[in-house]
Structure formats: structure tokens, C-alpha cells
mmCIF file of all heavy atoms, coordinates in Angstrom:
data_MODEL
# 
_entry.id   MODEL 
# 
loop_
_atom_site.group_PDB 
_atom_site.id 
_atom_site.type_symbol 
_atom_site.label_atom_id 
_atom_site.label_alt_id 
_atom_site.label_comp_id 
_atom_site.label_asym_id 
_atom_site.label_entity_id 
_atom_site.label_seq_id 
_atom_site.pdbx_PDB_ins_code 
_atom_site.Cartn_x 
_atom_site.Cartn_y 
_atom_site.Cartn_z 
_atom_site.occupancy 
_atom_site.B_iso_or_equiv 
_atom_site.pdbx_formal_charge 
_atom_site.auth_seq_id 
_atom_site.auth_comp_id 
_atom_site.auth_asym_id 
_atom_site.auth_atom_id 
_atom_site.pdbx_PDB_model_num 
ATOM 1   N N   . PHE A 1 1  ? 10.392 20.964 14.787 1.00 0.00 ? 1  PHE A N   1 
ATOM 2   C CA  . PHE A 1 1  ? 10.265 21.714 15.992 1.00 0.00 ? 1  PHE A CA  1 
ATOM 3   C C   . PHE A 1 1  ? 10.931 23.128 15.912 1.00 0.00 ? 1  PHE A C   1 
ATOM 4   O O   . PHE A 1 1  ? 10.469 24.018 16.612 1.00 0.00 ? 1  PHE A O   1 
ATOM 5   C CB  . PHE A 1 1  ? 10.837 20.965 17.166 1.00 0.00 ? 1  PHE A CB  1 
ATOM 6   C CG  . PHE A 1 1  ? 10.029 19.766 17.600 1.00 0.00 ? 1  PHE A CG  1 
ATOM 7   C CD1 . PHE A 1 1  ? 10.352 18.494 17.146 1.00 0.00 ? 1  PHE A CD1 1 
ATOM 8   C CD2 . PHE A 1 1  ? 8.904  19.952 18.392 1.00 0.00 ? 1  PHE A CD2 1 
ATOM 9   C CE1 . PHE A 1 1  ? 9.587  17.398 17.519 1.00 0.00 ? 1  PHE A CE1 1 
ATOM 10  C CE2 . PHE A 1 1  ? 8.144  18.826 18.729 1.00 0.00 ? 1  PHE A CE2 1 
ATOM 11  C CZ  . PHE A 1 1  ? 8.480  17.544 18.347 1.00 0.00 ? 1  PHE A CZ  1 
ATOM 12  N N   . LEU A 1 2  ? 11.946 23.267 15.072 1.00 0.00 ? 2  LEU A N   1 
ATOM 13  C CA  . LEU A 1 2  ? 12.590 24.567 14.979 1.00 0.00 ? 2  LEU A CA  1 
ATOM 14  C C   . LEU A 1 2  ? 12.287 25.314 13.730 1.00 0.00 ? 2  LEU A C   1 
ATOM 15  O O   . LEU A 1 2  ? 12.446 26.571 13.701 1.00 0.00 ? 2  LEU A O   1 
ATOM 16  C CB  . LEU A 1 2  ? 14.122 24.415 15.151 1.00 0.00 ? 2  LEU A CB  1 
ATOM 17  C CG  . LEU A 1 2  ? 14.573 23.865 16.494 1.00 0.00 ? 2  LEU A CG  1 
ATOM 18  C CD1 . LEU A 1 2  ? 16.050 23.763 16.553 1.00 0.00 ? 2  LEU A CD1 1 
ATOM 19  C CD2 . LEU A 1 2  ? 14.095 24.765 17.630 1.00 0.00 ? 2  LEU A CD2 1 
ATOM 20  N N   . ARG A 1 3  ? 11.845 24.641 12.728 1.00 0.00 ? 3  ARG A N   1 
ATOM 21  C CA  . ARG A 1 3  ? 11.464 25.236 11.422 1.00 0.00 ? 3  ARG A CA  1 
ATOM 22  C C   . ARG A 1 3  ? 12.464 26.222 10.948 1.00 0.00 ? 3  ARG A C   1 
ATOM 23  O O   . ARG A 1 3  ? 13.566 25.880 10.492 1.00 0.00 ? 3  ARG A O   1 
ATOM 24  C CB  . ARG A 1 3  ? 10.033 25.878 11.634 1.00 0.00 ? 3  ARG A CB  1 
ATOM 25  C CG  . ARG A 1 3  ? 9.003  24.854 11.970 1.00 0.00 ? 3  ARG A CG  1 
ATOM 26  C CD  . ARG A 1 3  ? 7.620  25.498 12.090 1.00 0.00 ? 3  ARG A CD  1 
ATOM 27  N NE  . ARG A 1 3  ? 6.618  24.470 12.533 1.00 0.00 ? 3  ARG A NE  1 
ATOM 28  C CZ  . ARG A 1 3  ? 5.976  23.667 11.690 1.00 0.00 ? 3  ARG A CZ  1 
ATOM 29  N NH1 . ARG A 1 3  ? 6.197  23.715 10.367 1.00 0.00 ? 3  ARG A NH1 1 
ATOM 30  N NH2 . ARG A 1 3  ? 5.121  22.788 12.134 1.00 0.00 ? 3  ARG A NH2 1 
ATOM 31  N N   . THR A 1 4  ? 12.176 27.561 10.969 1.00 0.00 ? 4  THR A N   1 
ATOM 32  C CA  . THR A 1 4  ? 13.117 28.545 10.384 1.00 0.00 ? 4  THR A CA  1 
ATOM 33  C C   . THR A 1 4  ? 14.370 28.709 11.207 1.00 0.00 ? 4  THR A C   1 
ATOM 34  O O   . THR A 1 4  ? 15.304 29.398 10.796 1.00 0.00 ? 4  THR A O   1 
ATOM 35  C CB  . THR A 1 4  ? 12.377 29.886 10.247 1.00 0.00 ? 4  THR A CB  1 
ATOM 36  O OG1 . THR A 1 4  ? 11.897 30.289 11.485 1.00 0.00 ? 4  THR A OG1 1 
ATOM 37  C CG2 . THR A 1 4  ? 11.185 29.780 9.309  1.00 0.00 ? 4  THR A CG2 1 
ATOM 38  N N   . ARG A 1 5  ? 14.438 28.174 12.422 1.00 0.00 ? 5  ARG A N   1 
ATOM 39  C CA  . ARG A 1 5  ? 15.555 28.269 13.245 1.00 0.00 ? 5  ARG A CA  1 
ATOM 40  C C   . ARG A 1 5  ? 16.386 26.976 13.309 1.00 0.00 ? 5  ARG A C   1 
ATOM 41  O O   . ARG A 1 5  ? 17.030 26.690 14.248 1.00 0.00 ? 5  ARG A O   1 
ATOM 42  C CB  . ARG A 1 5  ? 15.190 28.669 14.635 1.00 0.00 ? 5  ARG A CB  1 
ATOM 43  C CG  . ARG A 1 5  ? 14.476 30.026 14.747 1.00 0.00 ? 5  ARG A CG  1 
ATOM 44  C CD  . ARG A 1 5  ? 14.136 30.361 16.171 1.00 0.00 ? 5  ARG A CD  1 
ATOM 45  N NE  . ARG A 1 5  ? 13.533 31.720 16.238 1.00 0.00 ? 5  ARG A NE  1 
ATOM 46  C CZ  . ARG A 1 5  ? 13.073 32.276 17.387 1.00 0.00 ? 5  ARG A CZ  1 
ATOM 47  N NH1 . ARG A 1 5  ? 13.260 31.684 18.545 1.00 0.00 ? 5  ARG A NH1 1 
ATOM 48  N NH2 . ARG A 1 5  ? 12.545 33.465 17.339 1.00 0.00 ? 5  ARG A NH2 1 
ATOM 49  N N   . SER A 1 6  ? 16.357 26.268 12.245 1.00 0.00 ? 6  SER A N   1 
ATOM 50  C CA  . SER A 1 6  ? 16.989 24.932 12.137 1.00 0.00 ? 6  SER A CA  1 
ATOM 51  C C   . SER A 1 6  ? 18.519 25.053 12.370 1.00 0.00 ? 6  SER A C   1 
ATOM 52  O O   . SER A 1 6  ? 19.162 24.132 12.821 1.00 0.00 ? 6  SER A O   1 
ATOM 53  C CB  . SER A 1 6  ? 16.673 24.190 10.826 1.00 0.00 ? 6  SER A CB  1 
ATOM 54  O OG  . SER A 1 6  ? 17.116 24.975 9.718  1.00 0.00 ? 6  SER A OG  1 
ATOM 55  N N   . SER A 1 7  ? 19.095 26.186 12.003 1.00 0.00 ? 7  SER A N   1 
ATOM 56  C CA  . SER A 1 7  ? 20.565 26.401 12.188 1.00 0.00 ? 7  SER A CA  1 
ATOM 57  C C   . SER A 1 7  ? 20.935 26.164 13.619 1.00 0.00 ? 7  SER A C   1 
ATOM 58  O O   . SER A 1 7  ? 22.001 25.597 13.896 1.00 0.00 ? 7  SER A O   1 
ATOM 59  C CB  . SER A 1 7  ? 21.021 27.768 11.699 1.00 0.00 ? 7  SER A CB  1 
ATOM 60  O OG  . SER A 1 7  ? 20.775 27.938 10.341 1.00 0.00 ? 7  SER A OG  1 
ATOM 61  N N   . TRP A 1 8  ? 20.124 26.624 14.560 1.00 0.00 ? 8  TRP A N   1 
ATOM 62  C CA  . TRP A 1 8  ? 20.407 26.446 15.980 1.00 0.00 ? 8  TRP A CA  1 
ATOM 63  C C   . TRP A 1 8  ? 20.390 24.947 16.338 1.00 0.00 ? 8  TRP A C   1 
ATOM 64  O O   . TRP A 1 8  ? 21.144 24.465 17.124 1.00 0.00 ? 8  TRP A O   1 
ATOM 65  C CB  . TRP A 1 8  ? 19.436 27.265 16.843 1.00 0.00 ? 8  TRP A CB  1 
ATOM 66  C CG  . TRP A 1 8  ? 19.674 28.732 16.788 1.00 0.00 ? 8  TRP A CG  1 
ATOM 67  C CD1 . TRP A 1 8  ? 18.910 29.616 16.045 1.00 0.00 ? 8  TRP A CD1 1 
ATOM 68  C CD2 . TRP A 1 8  ? 20.728 29.458 17.383 1.00 0.00 ? 8  TRP A CD2 1 
ATOM 69  N NE1 . TRP A 1 8  ? 19.406 30.869 16.236 1.00 0.00 ? 8  TRP A NE1 1 
ATOM 70  C CE2 . TRP A 1 8  ? 20.560 30.826 17.092 1.00 0.00 ? 8  TRP A CE2 1 
ATOM 71  C CE3 . TRP A 1 8  ? 21.737 29.121 18.188 1.00 0.00 ? 8  TRP A CE3 1 
ATOM 72  C CZ2 . TRP A 1 8  ? 21.388 31.784 17.509 1.00 0.00 ? 8  TRP A CZ2 1 
ATOM 73  C CZ3 . TRP A 1 8  ? 22.621 30.082 18.683 1.00 0.00 ? 8  TRP A CZ3 1 
ATOM 74  C CH2 . TRP A 1 8  ? 22.460 31.456 18.347 1.00 0.00 ? 8  TRP A CH2 1 
ATOM 75  N N   . GLY A 1 9  ? 19.451 24.257 15.754 1.00 0.00 ? 9  GLY A N   1 
ATOM 76  C CA  . GLY A 1 9  ? 19.331 22.864 16.024 1.00 0.00 ? 9  GLY A CA  1 
ATOM 77  C C   . GLY A 1 9  ? 20.602 22.100 15.543 1.00 0.00 ? 9  GLY A C   1 
ATOM 78  O O   . GLY A 1 9  ? 21.163 21.182 16.199 1.00 0.00 ? 9  GLY A O   1 
ATOM 79  N N   . TYR A 1 10 ? 21.071 22.456 14.278 1.00 0.00 ? 10 TYR A N   1 
ATOM 80  C CA  . TYR A 1 10 ? 22.247 21.798 13.752 1.00 0.00 ? 10 TYR A CA  1 
ATOM 81  C C   . TYR A 1 10 ? 23.447 22.102 14.598 1.00 0.00 ? 10 TYR A C   1 
ATOM 82  O O   . TYR A 1 10 ? 24.369 21.284 14.789 1.00 0.00 ? 10 TYR A O   1 
ATOM 83  C CB  . TYR A 1 10 ? 22.471 22.199 12.306 1.00 0.00 ? 10 TYR A CB  1 
ATOM 84  C CG  . TYR A 1 10 ? 21.334 21.798 11.372 1.00 0.00 ? 10 TYR A CG  1 
ATOM 85  C CD1 . TYR A 1 10 ? 20.899 22.629 10.365 1.00 0.00 ? 10 TYR A CD1 1 
ATOM 86  C CD2 . TYR A 1 10 ? 20.673 20.574 11.549 1.00 0.00 ? 10 TYR A CD2 1 
ATOM 87  C CE1 . TYR A 1 10 ? 19.870 22.326 9.481  1.00 0.00 ? 10 TYR A CE1 1 
ATOM 88  C CE2 . TYR A 1 10 ? 19.641 20.225 10.677 1.00 0.00 ? 10 TYR A CE2 1 
ATOM 89  C CZ  . TYR A 1 10 ? 19.223 21.080 9.696  1.00 0.00 ? 10 TYR A CZ  1 
ATOM 90  O OH  . TYR A 1 10 ? 18.173 20.750 8.877  1.00 0.00 ? 10 TYR A OH  1 
ATOM 91  N N   . LEU A 1 11 ? 23.519 23.327 15.100 1.00 0.00 ? 11 LEU A N   1 
ATOM 92  C CA  . LEU A 1 11 ? 24.651 23.749 15.931 1.00 0.00 ? 11 LEU A CA  1 
ATOM 93  C C   . LEU A 1 11 ? 24.692 22.917 17.259 1.00 0.00 ? 11 LEU A C   1 
ATOM 94  O O   . LEU A 1 11 ? 25.707 22.430 17.658 1.00 0.00 ? 11 LEU A O   1 
ATOM 95  C CB  . LEU A 1 11 ? 24.527 25.241 16.280 1.00 0.00 ? 11 LEU A CB  1 
ATOM 96  C CG  . LEU A 1 11 ? 25.657 25.788 17.205 1.00 0.00 ? 11 LEU A CG  1 
ATOM 97  C CD1 . LEU A 1 11 ? 27.008 25.596 16.565 1.00 0.00 ? 11 LEU A CD1 1 
ATOM 98  C CD2 . LEU A 1 11 ? 25.402 27.240 17.482 1.00 0.00 ? 11 LEU A CD2 1 
ATOM 99  N N   . VAL A 1 12 ? 23.472 22.740 17.874 1.00 0.00 ? 12 VAL A N   1 
ATOM 100 C CA  . VAL A 1 12 ? 23.395 21.954 19.098 1.00 0.00 ? 12 VAL A CA  1 
ATOM 101 C C   . VAL A 1 12 ? 23.785 20.584 18.824 1.00 0.00 ? 12 VAL A C   1 
ATOM 102 O O   . VAL A 1 12 ? 24.509 19.898 19.588 1.00 0.00 ? 12 VAL A O   1 
ATOM 103 C CB  . VAL A 1 12 ? 22.008 22.102 19.676 1.00 0.00 ? 12 VAL A CB  1 
ATOM 104 C CG1 . VAL A 1 12 ? 21.883 21.063 20.855 1.00 0.00 ? 12 VAL A CG1 1 
ATOM 105 C CG2 . VAL A 1 12 ? 21.719 23.514 20.206 1.00 0.00 ? 12 VAL A CG2 1 
ATOM 106 N N   . PHE A 1 13 ? 23.298 19.983 17.714 1.00 0.00 ? 13 PHE A N   1 
ATOM 107 C CA  . PHE A 1 13 ? 23.575 18.650 17.341 1.00 0.00 ? 13 PHE A CA  1 
ATOM 108 C C   . PHE A 1 13 ? 25.105 18.447 17.174 1.00 0.00 ? 13 PHE A C   1 
ATOM 109 O O   . PHE A 1 13 ? 25.737 17.472 17.600 1.00 0.00 ? 13 PHE A O   1 
ATOM 110 C CB  . PHE A 1 13 ? 22.873 18.232 16.087 1.00 0.00 ? 13 PHE A CB  1 
ATOM 111 C CG  . PHE A 1 13 ? 23.136 16.867 15.550 1.00 0.00 ? 13 PHE A CG  1 
ATOM 112 C CD1 . PHE A 1 13 ? 23.142 15.721 16.372 1.00 0.00 ? 13 PHE A CD1 1 
ATOM 113 C CD2 . PHE A 1 13 ? 23.495 16.663 14.165 1.00 0.00 ? 13 PHE A CD2 1 
ATOM 114 C CE1 . PHE A 1 13 ? 23.417 14.471 15.944 1.00 0.00 ? 13 PHE A CE1 1 
ATOM 115 C CE2 . PHE A 1 13 ? 23.781 15.405 13.737 1.00 0.00 ? 13 PHE A CE2 1 
ATOM 116 C CZ  . PHE A 1 13 ? 23.767 14.259 14.547 1.00 0.00 ? 13 PHE A CZ  1 
ATOM 117 N N   . GLY A 1 14 ? 25.737 19.405 16.552 1.00 0.00 ? 14 GLY A N   1 
ATOM 118 C CA  . GLY A 1 14 ? 27.191 19.384 16.316 1.00 0.00 ? 14 GLY A CA  1 
ATOM 119 C C   . GLY A 1 14 ? 27.949 19.378 17.624 1.00 0.00 ? 14 GLY A C   1 
ATOM 120 O O   . GLY A 1 14 ? 28.957 18.684 17.802 1.00 0.00 ? 14 GLY A O   1 
ATOM 121 N N   . LEU A 1 15 ? 27.510 20.246 18.547 1.00 0.00 ? 15 LEU A N   1 
ATOM 122 C CA  . LEU A 1 15 ? 28.190 20.394 19.838 1.00 0.00 ? 15 LEU A CA  1 
ATOM 123 C C   . LEU A 1 15 ? 28.013 19.052 20.650 1.00 0.00 ? 15 LEU A C   1 
ATOM 124 O O   . LEU A 1 15 ? 28.975 18.614 21.346 1.00 0.00 ? 15 LEU A O   1 
ATOM 125 C CB  . LEU A 1 15 ? 27.630 21.527 20.637 1.00 0.00 ? 15 LEU A CB  1 
ATOM 126 C CG  . LEU A 1 15 ? 27.923 22.907 20.062 1.00 0.00 ? 15 LEU A CG  1 
ATOM 127 C CD1 . LEU A 1 15 ? 27.254 24.027 20.899 1.00 0.00 ? 15 LEU A CD1 1 
ATOM 128 C CD2 . LEU A 1 15 ? 29.413 23.171 20.042 1.00 0.00 ? 15 LEU A CD2 1 
ATOM 129 N N   . LEU A 1 16 ? 26.831 18.480 20.592 1.00 0.00 ? 16 LEU A N   1 
ATOM 130 C CA  . LEU A 1 16 ? 26.633 17.126 21.243 1.00 0.00 ? 16 LEU A CA  1 
ATOM 131 C C   . LEU A 1 16 ? 27.504 16.076 20.610 1.00 0.00 ? 16 LEU A C   1 
ATOM 132 O O   . LEU A 1 16 ? 28.080 15.245 21.275 1.00 0.00 ? 16 LEU A O   1 
ATOM 133 C CB  . LEU A 1 16 ? 25.182 16.745 21.151 1.00 0.00 ? 16 LEU A CB  1 
ATOM 134 C CG  . LEU A 1 16 ? 24.184 17.568 21.995 1.00 0.00 ? 16 LEU A CG  1 
ATOM 135 C CD1 . LEU A 1 16 ? 22.728 17.144 21.723 1.00 0.00 ? 16 LEU A CD1 1 
ATOM 136 C CD2 . LEU A 1 16 ? 24.503 17.379 23.464 1.00 0.00 ? 16 LEU A CD2 1 
ATOM 137 N N   . ALA A 1 17 ? 27.623 16.090 19.300 1.00 0.00 ? 17 ALA A N   1 
ATOM 138 C CA  . ALA A 1 17 ? 28.492 15.140 18.590 1.00 0.00 ? 17 ALA A CA  1 
ATOM 139 C C   . ALA A 1 17 ? 29.957 15.327 19.003 1.00 0.00 ? 17 ALA A C   1 
ATOM 140 O O   . ALA A 1 17 ? 30.632 14.356 19.203 1.00 0.00 ? 17 ALA A O   1 
ATOM 141 C CB  . ALA A 1 17 ? 28.344 15.356 17.064 1.00 0.00 ? 17 ALA A CB  1 
ATOM 142 N N   . LEU A 1 18 ? 30.400 16.551 19.131 1.00 0.00 ? 18 LEU A N   1 
ATOM 143 C CA  . LEU A 1 18 ? 31.781 16.780 19.546 1.00 0.00 ? 18 LEU A CA  1 
ATOM 144 C C   . LEU A 1 18 ? 31.993 16.261 20.960 1.00 0.00 ? 18 LEU A C   1 
ATOM 145 O O   . LEU A 1 18 ? 33.110 15.810 21.297 1.00 0.00 ? 18 LEU A O   1 
ATOM 146 C CB  . LEU A 1 18 ? 32.056 18.297 19.488 1.00 0.00 ? 18 LEU A CB  1 
ATOM 147 C CG  . LEU A 1 18 ? 32.230 18.927 18.122 1.00 0.00 ? 18 LEU A CG  1 
ATOM 148 C CD1 . LEU A 1 18 ? 32.443 20.391 18.177 1.00 0.00 ? 18 LEU A CD1 1 
ATOM 149 C CD2 . LEU A 1 18 ? 33.393 18.259 17.344 1.00 0.00 ? 18 LEU A CD2 1 
ATOM 150 N N   . THR A 1 19 ? 30.978 16.397 21.801 1.00 0.00 ? 19 THR A N   1 
ATOM 151 C CA  . THR A 1 19 ? 31.099 15.834 23.152 1.00 0.00 ? 19 THR A CA  1 
ATOM 152 C C   . THR A 1 19 ? 31.310 14.339 23.101 1.00 0.00 ? 19 THR A C   1 
ATOM 153 O O   . THR A 1 19 ? 32.185 13.800 23.788 1.00 0.00 ? 19 THR A O   1 
ATOM 154 C CB  . THR A 1 19 ? 29.794 16.163 23.947 1.00 0.00 ? 19 THR A CB  1 
ATOM 155 O OG1 . THR A 1 19 ? 29.679 17.581 24.019 1.00 0.00 ? 19 THR A OG1 1 
ATOM 156 C CG2 . THR A 1 19 ? 29.919 15.614 25.399 1.00 0.00 ? 19 THR A CG2 1 
ATOM 157 N N   . PHE A 1 20 ? 30.531 13.623 22.293 1.00 0.00 ? 20 PHE A N   1 
ATOM 158 C CA  . PHE A 1 20 ? 30.731 12.221 22.119 1.00 0.00 ? 20 PHE A CA  1 
ATOM 159 C C   . PHE A 1 20 ? 32.129 11.923 21.586 1.00 0.00 ? 20 PHE A C   1 
ATOM 160 O O   . PHE A 1 20 ? 32.751 10.927 22.003 1.00 0.00 ? 20 PHE A O   1 
ATOM 161 C CB  . PHE A 1 20 ? 29.728 11.684 21.114 1.00 0.00 ? 20 PHE A CB  1 
ATOM 162 C CG  . PHE A 1 20 ? 28.394 11.256 21.679 1.00 0.00 ? 20 PHE A CG  1 
ATOM 163 C CD1 . PHE A 1 20 ? 27.326 12.085 21.764 1.00 0.00 ? 20 PHE A CD1 1 
ATOM 164 C CD2 . PHE A 1 20 ? 28.221 10.005 22.206 1.00 0.00 ? 20 PHE A CD2 1 
ATOM 165 C CE1 . PHE A 1 20 ? 26.169 11.747 22.304 1.00 0.00 ? 20 PHE A CE1 1 
ATOM 166 C CE2 . PHE A 1 20 ? 27.042 9.579  22.711 1.00 0.00 ? 20 PHE A CE2 1 
ATOM 167 C CZ  . PHE A 1 20 ? 26.001 10.451 22.816 1.00 0.00 ? 20 PHE A CZ  1 
ATOM 168 N N   . ALA A 1 21 ? 32.569 12.771 20.678 1.00 0.00 ? 21 ALA A N   1 
ATOM 169 C CA  . ALA A 1 21 ? 33.870 12.436 20.041 1.00 0.00 ? 21 ALA A CA  1 
ATOM 170 C C   . ALA A 1 21 ? 35.093 12.679 20.974 1.00 0.00 ? 21 ALA A C   1 
ATOM 171 O O   . ALA A 1 21 ? 36.032 12.057 20.906 1.00 0.00 ? 21 ALA A O   1 
ATOM 172 C CB  . ALA A 1 21 ? 34.062 13.351 18.803 1.00 0.00 ? 21 ALA A CB  1 
ATOM 173 N N   . LEU A 1 22 ? 34.990 13.694 21.856 1.00 0.00 ? 22 LEU A N   1 
ATOM 174 C CA  . LEU A 1 22 ? 36.098 14.187 22.543 1.00 0.00 ? 22 LEU A CA  1 
ATOM 175 C C   . LEU A 1 22 ? 36.197 13.663 24.021 1.00 0.00 ? 22 LEU A C   1 
ATOM 176 O O   . LEU A 1 22 ? 37.251 13.596 24.597 1.00 0.00 ? 22 LEU A O   1 
ATOM 177 C CB  . LEU A 1 22 ? 36.176 15.721 22.586 1.00 0.00 ? 22 LEU A CB  1 
ATOM 178 C CG  . LEU A 1 22 ? 36.261 16.400 21.205 1.00 0.00 ? 22 LEU A CG  1 
ATOM 179 C CD1 . LEU A 1 22 ? 36.190 17.874 21.379 1.00 0.00 ? 22 LEU A CD1 1 
ATOM 180 C CD2 . LEU A 1 22 ? 37.600 15.960 20.579 1.00 0.00 ? 22 LEU A CD2 1 
ATOM 181 N N   . VAL A 1 23 ? 35.026 13.354 24.610 1.00 0.00 ? 23 VAL A N   1 
ATOM 182 C CA  . VAL A 1 23 ? 35.007 12.927 26.041 1.00 0.00 ? 23 VAL A CA  1 
ATOM 183 C C   . VAL A 1 23 ? 35.263 11.448 26.070 1.00 0.00 ? 23 VAL A C   1 
ATOM 184 O O   . VAL A 1 23 ? 34.503 10.623 25.472 1.00 0.00 ? 23 VAL A O   1 
ATOM 185 C CB  . VAL A 1 23 ? 33.642 13.247 26.650 1.00 0.00 ? 23 VAL A CB  1 
ATOM 186 C CG1 . VAL A 1 23 ? 33.629 12.676 28.090 1.00 0.00 ? 23 VAL A CG1 1 
ATOM 187 C CG2 . VAL A 1 23 ? 33.405 14.723 26.703 1.00 0.00 ? 23 VAL A CG2 1 
ATOM 188 N N   . PRO A 1 24 ? 36.287 10.948 26.790 1.00 0.00 ? 24 PRO A N   1 
ATOM 189 C CA  . PRO A 1 24 ? 36.602 9.555  26.892 1.00 0.00 ? 24 PRO A CA  1 
ATOM 190 C C   . PRO A 1 24 ? 35.411 8.754  27.487 1.00 0.00 ? 24 PRO A C   1 
ATOM 191 O O   . PRO A 1 24 ? 34.807 9.261  28.448 1.00 0.00 ? 24 PRO A O   1 
ATOM 192 C CB  . PRO A 1 24 ? 37.888 9.505  27.818 1.00 0.00 ? 24 PRO A CB  1 
ATOM 193 C CG  . PRO A 1 24 ? 38.451 10.834 27.735 1.00 0.00 ? 24 PRO A CG  1 
ATOM 194 C CD  . PRO A 1 24 ? 37.296 11.773 27.509 1.00 0.00 ? 24 PRO A CD  1 
ATOM 195 N N   . VAL A 1 25 ? 35.192 7.605  26.997 1.00 0.00 ? 25 VAL A N   1 
ATOM 196 C CA  . VAL A 1 25 ? 34.126 6.765  27.519 1.00 0.00 ? 25 VAL A CA  1 
ATOM 197 C C   . VAL A 1 25 ? 34.724 5.476  28.127 1.00 0.00 ? 25 VAL A C   1 
ATOM 198 O O   . VAL A 1 25 ? 35.486 4.785  27.470 1.00 0.00 ? 25 VAL A O   1 
ATOM 199 C CB  . VAL A 1 25 ? 33.166 6.376  26.358 1.00 0.00 ? 25 VAL A CB  1 
ATOM 200 C CG1 . VAL A 1 25 ? 32.111 5.373  26.861 1.00 0.00 ? 25 VAL A CG1 1 
ATOM 201 C CG2 . VAL A 1 25 ? 32.556 7.604  25.755 1.00 0.00 ? 25 VAL A CG2 1 
ATOM 202 N N   . ALA A 1 26 ? 34.424 5.212  29.368 1.00 0.00 ? 26 ALA A N   1 
ATOM 203 C CA  . ALA A 1 26 ? 35.002 4.124  30.096 1.00 0.00 ? 26 ALA A CA  1 
ATOM 204 C C   . ALA A 1 26 ? 34.310 2.796  29.748 1.00 0.00 ? 26 ALA A C   1 
ATOM 205 O O   . ALA A 1 26 ? 34.919 1.737  29.789 1.00 0.00 ? 26 ALA A O   1 
ATOM 206 C CB  . ALA A 1 26 ? 34.947 4.394  31.579 1.00 0.00 ? 26 ALA A CB  1 
ATOM 207 N N   . SER A 1 27 ? 32.978 2.873  29.448 1.00 0.00 ? 27 SER A N   1 
ATOM 208 C CA  . SER A 1 27 ? 32.224 1.643  29.213 1.00 0.00 ? 27 SER A CA  1 
ATOM 209 C C   . SER A 1 27 ? 32.465 1.060  27.891 1.00 0.00 ? 27 SER A C   1 
ATOM 210 O O   . SER A 1 27 ? 32.402 1.769  26.864 1.00 0.00 ? 27 SER A O   1 
ATOM 211 C CB  . SER A 1 27 ? 30.732 1.949  29.333 1.00 0.00 ? 27 SER A CB  1 
ATOM 212 O OG  . SER A 1 27 ? 29.944 0.847  28.956 1.00 0.00 ? 27 SER A OG  1 
ATOM 213 N N   . PRO A 1 28 ? 32.881 -0.223 27.779 1.00 0.00 ? 28 PRO A N   1 
ATOM 214 C CA  . PRO A 1 28 ? 33.074 -0.897 26.470 1.00 0.00 ? 28 PRO A CA  1 
ATOM 215 C C   . PRO A 1 28 ? 31.848 -0.836 25.626 1.00 0.00 ? 28 PRO A C   1 
ATOM 216 O O   . PRO A 1 28 ? 31.885 -0.835 24.378 1.00 0.00 ? 28 PRO A O   1 
ATOM 217 C CB  . PRO A 1 28 ? 33.453 -2.345 26.898 1.00 0.00 ? 28 PRO A CB  1 
ATOM 218 C CG  . PRO A 1 28 ? 33.952 -2.246 28.281 1.00 0.00 ? 28 PRO A CG  1 
ATOM 219 C CD  . PRO A 1 28 ? 33.166 -1.126 28.906 1.00 0.00 ? 28 PRO A CD  1 
ATOM 220 N N   . ALA A 1 29 ? 30.665 -0.862 26.285 1.00 0.00 ? 29 ALA A N   1 
ATOM 221 C CA  . ALA A 1 29 ? 29.442 -0.794 25.498 1.00 0.00 ? 29 ALA A CA  1 
ATOM 222 C C   . ALA A 1 29 ? 29.189 0.436  24.756 1.00 0.00 ? 29 ALA A C   1 
ATOM 223 O O   . ALA A 1 29 ? 28.431 0.486  23.761 1.00 0.00 ? 29 ALA A O   1 
ATOM 224 C CB  . ALA A 1 29 ? 28.183 -1.033 26.465 1.00 0.00 ? 29 ALA A CB  1 
ATOM 225 N N   . LEU A 1 30 ? 29.904 1.523  25.134 1.00 0.00 ? 30 LEU A N   1 
ATOM 226 C CA  . LEU A 1 30 ? 29.807 2.779  24.496 1.00 0.00 ? 30 LEU A CA  1 
ATOM 227 C C   . LEU A 1 30 ? 31.088 3.157  23.689 1.00 0.00 ? 30 LEU A C   1 
ATOM 228 O O   . LEU A 1 30 ? 31.340 4.312  23.418 1.00 0.00 ? 30 LEU A O   1 
ATOM 229 C CB  . LEU A 1 30 ? 29.512 3.941  25.486 1.00 0.00 ? 30 LEU A CB  1 
ATOM 230 C CG  . LEU A 1 30 ? 28.164 3.801  26.224 1.00 0.00 ? 30 LEU A CG  1 
ATOM 231 C CD1 . LEU A 1 30 ? 28.050 4.921  27.270 1.00 0.00 ? 30 LEU A CD1 1 
ATOM 232 C CD2 . LEU A 1 30 ? 27.027 3.875  25.208 1.00 0.00 ? 30 LEU A CD2 1 
ATOM 233 N N   . ALA A 1 31 ? 31.877 2.162  23.377 1.00 0.00 ? 31 ALA A N   1 
ATOM 234 C CA  . ALA A 1 31 ? 33.100 2.402  22.658 1.00 0.00 ? 31 ALA A CA  1 
ATOM 235 C C   . ALA A 1 31 ? 32.870 2.985  21.273 1.00 0.00 ? 31 ALA A C   1 
ATOM 236 O O   . ALA A 1 31 ? 33.748 3.680  20.729 1.00 0.00 ? 31 ALA A O   1 
ATOM 237 C CB  . ALA A 1 31 ? 33.909 1.076  22.552 1.00 0.00 ? 31 ALA A CB  1 
ATOM 238 N N   . TRP A 1 32 ? 31.712 2.760  20.789 1.00 0.00 ? 32 TRP A N   1 
ATOM 239 C CA  . TRP A 1 32 ? 31.357 3.282  19.447 1.00 0.00 ? 32 TRP A CA  1 
ATOM 240 C C   . TRP A 1 32 ? 31.115 4.835  19.426 1.00 0.00 ? 32 TRP A C   1 
ATOM 241 O O   . TRP A 1 32 ? 31.092 5.411  18.381 1.00 0.00 ? 32 TRP A O   1 
ATOM 242 C CB  . TRP A 1 32 ? 30.052 2.605  18.890 1.00 0.00 ? 32 TRP A CB  1 
ATOM 243 C CG  . TRP A 1 32 ? 28.898 2.789  19.818 1.00 0.00 ? 32 TRP A CG  1 
ATOM 244 C CD1 . TRP A 1 32 ? 28.592 2.019  20.876 1.00 0.00 ? 32 TRP A CD1 1 
ATOM 245 C CD2 . TRP A 1 32 ? 27.933 3.892  19.850 1.00 0.00 ? 32 TRP A CD2 1 
ATOM 246 N NE1 . TRP A 1 32 ? 27.489 2.505  21.522 1.00 0.00 ? 32 TRP A NE1 1 
ATOM 247 C CE2 . TRP A 1 32 ? 27.097 3.647  20.957 1.00 0.00 ? 32 TRP A CE2 1 
ATOM 248 C CE3 . TRP A 1 32 ? 27.785 5.032  19.056 1.00 0.00 ? 32 TRP A CE3 1 
ATOM 249 C CZ2 . TRP A 1 32 ? 26.037 4.523  21.271 1.00 0.00 ? 32 TRP A CZ2 1 
ATOM 250 C CZ3 . TRP A 1 32 ? 26.746 5.892  19.369 1.00 0.00 ? 32 TRP A CZ3 1 
ATOM 251 C CH2 . TRP A 1 32 ? 25.851 5.664  20.480 1.00 0.00 ? 32 TRP A CH2 1 
# 
């Protein structure tokens, strides 16, 4: 979908990953 602009996609993926890593999750089902 991004083709030559894949860097932006990887950046967004990284920011979403950091959100998963840093934001506490209360649900045991999402402990992973």
C-alpha cells in the first residue's frame, strides 16, 4: 500500500508497537 513510502509505514508500526509496550493493560487476556 505504501510502496516507495514504506519508511512511513515502518515508523507508524514502531509507534504502535511502543504503545503496546508502554501502556499498561488491565485485561489478563492482553497480558502478552
